[in-house]
Amino acid sequence: MGCGRRPEGGAVVAGVLRDTRAADREMASEPSIRRRLDDTLAEPYRQGVGGVGDDVLAVARPWGFEPAEITATVGLWQGKADVSGLPALGRELAAALPRCTARYLPGEGHFLVHWREILATLAEALREGGA
């Protein structure tokens, strides 16, 4: 994976899946989902690893505000078998957000395929004027 080139043949996804749980590997075995993952995960590395490193640092460093200051309703979905976004960190963030509805999904990993539920939740919030 050279700097300035998009990884070929799902190299990023293959690397990520080596370090994930069975839930993510099983989900990624479906061809349509694998194609989406290949496209989605290759893009952040298109110009090298610097941007991804910056994202990691942005999460790890102080944000300049406290989650408790967020007054909007927040939805959080997390797989209990996620090894990338650790469930303990998700629970900590959910507890710090005053208006958070958290869903912890047993047996699911990092690559949740709950987009219909997430979009329906967002649409409902828009109808209610909360987004």
C-alpha atoms as a PDB file:
ATOM      1  CA  MET A   1       0.000   0.000   0.000  1.00  0.00           C
ATOM      2  CA  GLY A   2       2.005   2.949  -1.253  1.00  0.00           C
ATOM      3  CA  CYS A   3       1.438   6.536  -0.306  1.00  0.00           C
ATOM      4  CA  GLY A   4      -0.872   8.243  -2.777  1.00  0.00           C
ATOM      5  CA  ARG A   5      -2.341   4.982  -4.097  1.00  0.00           C
ATOM      6  CA  ARG A   6      -5.609   3.379  -3.160  1.00  0.00           C
ATOM      7  CA  PRO A   7      -5.046  -0.147  -1.811  1.00  0.00           C
ATOM      8  CA  GLU A   8      -5.920  -2.837  -4.330  1.00  0.00           C
ATOM      9  CA  GLY A   9      -8.127  -5.878  -3.878  1.00  0.00           C
ATOM     10  CA  GLY A  10      -9.470  -5.152  -0.423  1.00  0.00           C
ATOM     11  CA  ALA A  11      -6.023  -5.152   1.193  1.00  0.00           C
ATOM     12  CA  VAL A  12      -7.203  -2.832   3.966  1.00  0.00           C
ATOM     13  CA  VAL A  13     -10.251  -4.937   4.776  1.00  0.00           C
ATOM     14  CA  ALA A  14      -8.194  -8.136   4.728  1.00  0.00           C
ATOM     15  CA  GLY A  15      -5.771  -6.584   7.215  1.00  0.00           C
ATOM     16  CA  VAL A  16      -8.542  -5.302   9.460  1.00  0.00           C
ATOM     17  CA  LEU A  17     -10.405  -8.608   9.404  1.00  0.00           C
ATOM     18  CA  ARG A  18      -7.284 -10.503  10.540  1.00  0.00           C
ATOM     19  CA  ASP A  19      -7.520  -8.607  13.839  1.00  0.00           C
ATOM     20  CA  THR A  20     -11.287  -8.760  14.376  1.00  0.00           C
ATOM     21  CA  ARG A  21     -13.690 -11.174  15.936  1.00  0.00           C
ATOM     22  CA  ALA A  22     -15.642 -13.895  14.146  1.00  0.00           C
ATOM     23  CA  ALA A  23     -18.747 -11.659  14.017  1.00  0.00           C
ATOM     24  CA  ASP A  24     -17.001  -9.172  11.734  1.00  0.00           C
ATOM     25  CA  ARG A  25     -15.373 -11.855   9.581  1.00  0.00           C
ATOM     26  CA  GLU A  26     -18.709 -13.622   9.120  1.00  0.00           C
ATOM     27  CA  MET A  27     -20.510 -10.399   8.241  1.00  0.00           C
ATOM     28  CA  ALA A  28     -17.767  -9.457   5.751  1.00  0.00           C
ATOM     29  CA  SER A  29     -18.091 -12.813   3.991  1.00  0.00           C
ATOM     30  CA  GLU A  30     -21.304 -11.577   2.326  1.00  0.00           C
ATOM     31  CA  PRO A  31     -20.143 -10.254  -1.084  1.00  0.00           C
ATOM     32  CA  SER A  32     -22.268  -7.065  -1.145  1.00  0.00           C
ATOM     33  CA  ILE A  33     -21.127  -6.076   2.339  1.00  0.00           C
ATOM     34  CA  ARG A  34     -17.512  -6.941   1.550  1.00  0.00           C
ATOM     35  CA  ARG A  35     -17.595  -4.642  -1.514  1.00  0.00           C
ATOM     36  CA  ARG A  36     -18.913  -1.787   0.645  1.00  0.00           C
ATOM     37  CA  LEU A  37     -16.250  -2.414   3.275  1.00  0.00           C
ATOM     38  CA  ASP A  38     -13.532  -2.524   0.614  1.00  0.00           C
ATOM     39  CA  ASP A  39     -14.636   0.882  -0.701  1.00  0.00           C
ATOM     40  CA  THR A  40     -15.247   2.441   2.709  1.00  0.00           C
ATOM     41  CA  LEU A  41     -12.066   1.272   4.439  1.00  0.00           C
ATOM     42  CA  ALA A  42      -9.687   1.808   1.534  1.00  0.00           C
ATOM     43  CA  GLU A  43     -10.445   5.526   1.248  1.00  0.00           C
ATOM     44  CA  PRO A  44      -8.930   6.664   4.583  1.00  0.00           C
ATOM     45  CA  TYR A  45      -5.622   5.030   3.567  1.00  0.00           C
ATOM     46  CA  ARG A  46      -5.628   6.343  -0.024  1.00  0.00           C
ATOM     47  CA  GLN A  47      -2.851   8.829   0.725  1.00  0.00           C
ATOM     48  CA  GLY A  48      -1.090   6.784   3.392  1.00  0.00           C
ATOM     49  CA  VAL A  49      -1.655   6.219   7.102  1.00  0.00           C
ATOM     50  CA  GLY A  50      -1.246   9.832   8.320  1.00  0.00           C
ATOM     51  CA  GLY A  51      -4.949  10.701   8.253  1.00  0.00           C
ATOM     52  CA  VAL A  52      -5.925   7.547  10.114  1.00  0.00           C
ATOM     53  CA  GLY A  53      -3.253   8.309  12.729  1.00  0.00           C
ATOM     54  CA  ASP A  54      -4.663  11.819  13.100  1.00  0.00           C
ATOM     55  CA  ASP A  55      -8.129  10.340  13.690  1.00  0.00           C
ATOM     56  CA  VAL A  56      -6.788   8.088  16.452  1.00  0.00           C
ATOM     57  CA  LEU A  57      -5.066  11.049  18.121  1.00  0.00           C
ATOM     58  CA  ALA A  58      -8.219  13.167  17.850  1.00  0.00           C
ATOM     59  CA  VAL A  59     -10.131  10.575  19.854  1.00  0.00           C
ATOM     60  CA  ALA A  60      -7.347  10.070  22.402  1.00  0.00           C
ATOM     61  CA  ARG A  61      -6.570  13.736  23.086  1.00  0.00           C
ATOM     62  CA  PRO A  62      -8.751  16.192  25.029  1.00  0.00           C
ATOM     63  CA  TRP A  63     -11.643  17.379  22.856  1.00  0.00           C
ATOM     64  CA  GLY A  64     -11.917  20.915  24.259  1.00  0.00           C
ATOM     65  CA  PHE A  65     -15.361  20.192  25.745  1.00  0.00           C
ATOM     66  CA  GLU A  66     -16.942  17.621  28.010  1.00  0.00           C
ATOM     67  CA  PRO A  67     -19.499  15.136  26.672  1.00  0.00           C
ATOM     68  CA  ALA A  68     -21.809  16.255  29.496  1.00  0.00           C
ATOM     69  CA  GLU A  69     -22.090  19.637  27.718  1.00  0.00           C
ATOM     70  CA  ILE A  70     -23.819  18.050  24.717  1.00  0.00           C
ATOM     71  CA  THR A  71     -27.540  18.751  24.998  1.00  0.00           C
ATOM     72  CA  ALA A  72     -28.710  16.995  21.826  1.00  0.00           C
ATOM     73  CA  THR A  73     -30.134  13.506  21.983  1.00  0.00           C
ATOM     74  CA  VAL A  74     -27.445  11.026  20.971  1.00  0.00           C
ATOM     75  CA  GLY A  75     -27.908   7.469  19.716  1.00  0.00           C
ATOM     76  CA  LEU A  76     -25.076   5.013  20.253  1.00  0.00           C
ATOM     77  CA  TRP A  77     -24.951   1.544  18.708  1.00  0.00           C
ATOM     78  CA  GLN A  78     -22.099  -0.776  19.592  1.00  0.00           C
ATOM     79  CA  GLY A  79     -21.339  -4.446  19.103  1.00  0.00           C
ATOM     80  CA  LYS A  80     -20.388  -6.214  22.311  1.00  0.00           C
ATOM     81  CA  ALA A  81     -17.744  -8.183  20.396  1.00  0.00           C
ATOM     82  CA  ASP A  82     -16.103  -5.020  19.019  1.00  0.00           C
ATOM     83  CA  VAL A  83     -12.332  -5.008  19.521  1.00  0.00           C
ATOM     84  CA  SER A  84     -11.737  -1.654  17.757  1.00  0.00           C
ATOM     85  CA  GLY A  85     -14.144   0.571  19.688  1.00  0.00           C
ATOM     86  CA  LEU A  86     -14.029  -1.161  23.047  1.00  0.00           C
ATOM     87  CA  PRO A  87     -17.468  -1.612  24.639  1.00  0.00           C
ATOM     88  CA  ALA A  88     -16.199  -0.207  27.959  1.00  0.00           C
ATOM     89  CA  LEU A  89     -15.328   3.059  26.211  1.00  0.00           C
ATOM     90  CA  GLY A  90     -18.759   3.160  24.580  1.00  0.00           C
ATOM     91  CA  ARG A  91     -20.431   2.657  27.969  1.00  0.00           C
ATOM     92  CA  GLU A  92     -18.262   5.390  29.487  1.00  0.00           C
ATOM     93  CA  LEU A  93     -19.192   7.834  26.729  1.00  0.00           C
ATOM     94  CA  ALA A  94     -22.888   6.907  26.906  1.00  0.00           C
ATOM     95  CA  ALA A  95     -22.880   7.497  30.670  1.00  0.00           C
ATOM     96  CA  ALA A  96     -21.282  10.922  30.209  1.00  0.00           C
ATOM     97  CA  LEU A  97     -23.822  12.090  27.614  1.00  0.00           C
ATOM     98  CA  PRO A  98     -26.926  13.488  29.339  1.00  0.00           C
ATOM     99  CA  ARG A  99     -29.368  12.394  26.606  1.00  0.00           C
ATOM    100  CA  CYS A 100     -27.898   9.197  25.187  1.00  0.00           C
ATOM    101  CA  THR A 101     -29.797   6.127  24.098  1.00  0.00           C
ATOM    102  CA  ALA A 102     -27.282   3.318  23.869  1.00  0.00           C
ATOM    103  CA  ARG A 103     -27.767  -0.065  22.225  1.00  0.00           C
ATOM    104  CA  TYR A 104     -25.191  -2.770  22.904  1.00  0.00           C
ATOM    105  CA  LEU A 105     -25.625  -5.627  20.451  1.00  0.00           C
ATOM    106  CA  PRO A 106     -24.518  -9.088  21.603  1.00  0.00           C
ATOM    107  CA  GLY A 107     -22.441 -11.082  19.153  1.00  0.00           C
ATOM    108  CA  GLU A 108     -21.804  -8.086  16.878  1.00  0.00           C
ATOM    109  CA  GLY A 109     -18.395  -6.641  16.145  1.00  0.00           C
ATOM    110  CA  HIS A 110     -17.178  -3.305  14.842  1.00  0.00           C
ATOM    111  CA  PHE A 111     -18.938  -3.426  11.480  1.00  0.00           C
ATOM    112  CA  LEU A 112     -22.560  -3.134  12.479  1.00  0.00           C
ATOM    113  CA  VAL A 113     -25.102  -3.659   9.749  1.00  0.00           C
ATOM    114  CA  HIS A 114     -27.919  -1.812  11.501  1.00  0.00           C
ATOM    115  CA  TRP A 115     -28.116   1.077   9.077  1.00  0.00           C
ATOM    116  CA  ARG A 116     -31.901   0.761   8.649  1.00  0.00           C
ATOM    117  CA  GLU A 117     -32.442   1.111  12.394  1.00  0.00           C
ATOM    118  CA  ILE A 118     -29.951   3.969  12.637  1.00  0.00           C
ATOM    119  CA  LEU A 119     -31.514   5.847   9.707  1.00  0.00           C
ATOM    120  CA  ALA A 120     -35.026   5.296  11.088  1.00  0.00           C
ATOM    121  CA  THR A 121     -33.885   6.716  14.429  1.00  0.00           C
ATOM    122  CA  LEU A 122     -32.392   9.772  12.697  1.00  0.00           C
ATOM    123  CA  ALA A 123     -35.516  10.273  10.588  1.00  0.00           C
ATOM    124  CA  GLU A 124     -37.694  10.128  13.705  1.00  0.00           C
ATOM    125  CA  ALA A 125     -35.477  12.703  15.420  1.00  0.00           C
ATOM    126  CA  LEU A 126     -35.814  14.991  12.392  1.00  0.00           C
ATOM    127  CA  ARG A 127     -39.610  14.615  12.408  1.00  0.00           C
ATOM    128  CA  GLU A 128     -39.638  15.542  16.083  1.00  0.00           C
ATOM    129  CA  GLY A 129     -37.315  18.507  15.475  1.00  0.00           C
ATOM    130  CA  GLY A 130     -34.564  17.059  17.648  1.00  0.00           C
ATOM    131  CA  ALA A 131     -31.757  16.858  15.118  1.00  0.00           C
END
